[in-house]
Amino acid sequence: MHTILATTGLILAIVGFFISVAFWFPRLCNRARLREMLGSKYPILYVVYIANGPFLLALGLILLWKFH
């Protein structure tokens, strides 16, 4: 059971890291184009980013720390 949770934590940490990196590199994520497409709904993008980037990274690291 611990191996499954540790592996899940590793996967979540890697995915969260890459989402975080992709969001902050201008060529990977064109925020100006997203702002143009989303208009007034643009702040929702940050909620989605936090839920899928740093949150996954933190959750993965917690699982690794707890079950490794």
Protein backbone atom coordinates (compact mmCIF):
# COMPACT_ATOMS: atom_id res chain seq x y z
CA MET A 1 0.00 0.00 0.00
CA HIS A 2 2.81 2.40 0.85
CA THR A 3 4.46 1.80 -2.53
CA ILE A 4 1.28 2.70 -4.40
CA LEU A 5 0.82 5.91 -2.41
CA ALA A 6 4.49 6.86 -2.78
CA THR A 7 4.31 6.26 -6.54
CA THR A 8 1.12 8.29 -6.77
CA GLY A 9 2.82 11.07 -4.83
CA LEU A 10 5.77 11.02 -7.22
CA ILE A 11 3.50 11.20 -10.25
CA LEU A 12 1.45 14.04 -8.76
CA ALA A 13 4.60 15.97 -7.86
CA ILE A 14 6.01 15.61 -11.37
CA VAL A 15 2.75 16.63 -13.04
CA GLY A 16 2.32 19.58 -10.68
CA PHE A 17 5.90 20.69 -11.33
CA PHE A 18 5.49 20.60 -15.10
CA ILE A 19 2.17 22.44 -14.98
CA SER A 20 3.77 25.12 -12.81
CA VAL A 21 6.74 25.47 -15.13
CA ALA A 22 4.55 25.54 -18.24
CA PHE A 23 2.39 28.29 -16.82
CA TRP A 24 5.28 30.63 -16.06
CA PHE A 25 7.26 30.21 -19.30
CA PRO A 26 5.85 32.71 -21.81
CA ARG A 27 6.42 30.54 -24.87
CA LEU A 28 4.71 27.50 -23.38
CA CYS A 29 1.62 29.31 -22.12
CA ASN A 30 0.64 32.46 -23.99
CA ARG A 31 -1.14 34.35 -21.22
CA ALA A 32 -1.81 37.38 -23.44
CA ARG A 33 -3.74 35.16 -25.86
CA LEU A 34 -5.57 33.49 -22.97
CA ARG A 35 -6.49 36.90 -21.54
CA GLU A 36 -7.87 37.87 -24.95
CA MET A 37 -9.89 34.66 -25.28
CA LEU A 38 -11.25 34.58 -21.72
CA GLY A 39 -11.94 38.28 -21.28
CA SER A 40 -13.51 38.95 -17.89
CA LYS A 41 -13.20 35.27 -16.93
CA TYR A 42 -9.38 35.47 -17.04
CA PRO A 43 -8.96 35.39 -13.19
CA ILE A 44 -10.52 31.90 -13.21
CA LEU A 45 -7.38 30.76 -15.00
CA TYR A 46 -5.40 31.35 -11.81
CA VAL A 47 -7.80 29.19 -9.80
CA VAL A 48 -7.37 26.38 -12.32
CA TYR A 49 -3.59 26.90 -12.30
CA ILE A 50 -3.34 26.75 -8.50
CA ALA A 51 -5.51 23.64 -8.37
CA ASN A 52 -3.47 21.87 -11.03
CA GLY A 53 0.04 23.21 -10.49
CA PRO A 54 1.23 24.02 -6.99
CA PHE A 55 -1.56 22.06 -5.29
CA LEU A 56 -0.69 18.85 -7.13
CA LEU A 57 2.98 19.44 -6.44
CA ALA A 58 2.31 19.96 -2.72
CA LEU A 59 -0.02 16.97 -2.51
CA GLY A 60 2.53 14.78 -4.27
CA LEU A 61 5.33 15.90 -1.96
CA ILE A 62 3.17 15.27 1.10
CA LEU A 63 2.37 11.75 -0.11
CA LEU A 64 6.04 11.09 -0.82
CA TRP A 65 7.08 12.42 2.58
CA LYS A 66 4.39 10.49 4.43
CA PHE A 67 4.67 7.11 2.65
CA HIS A 68 8.24 6.87 1.43
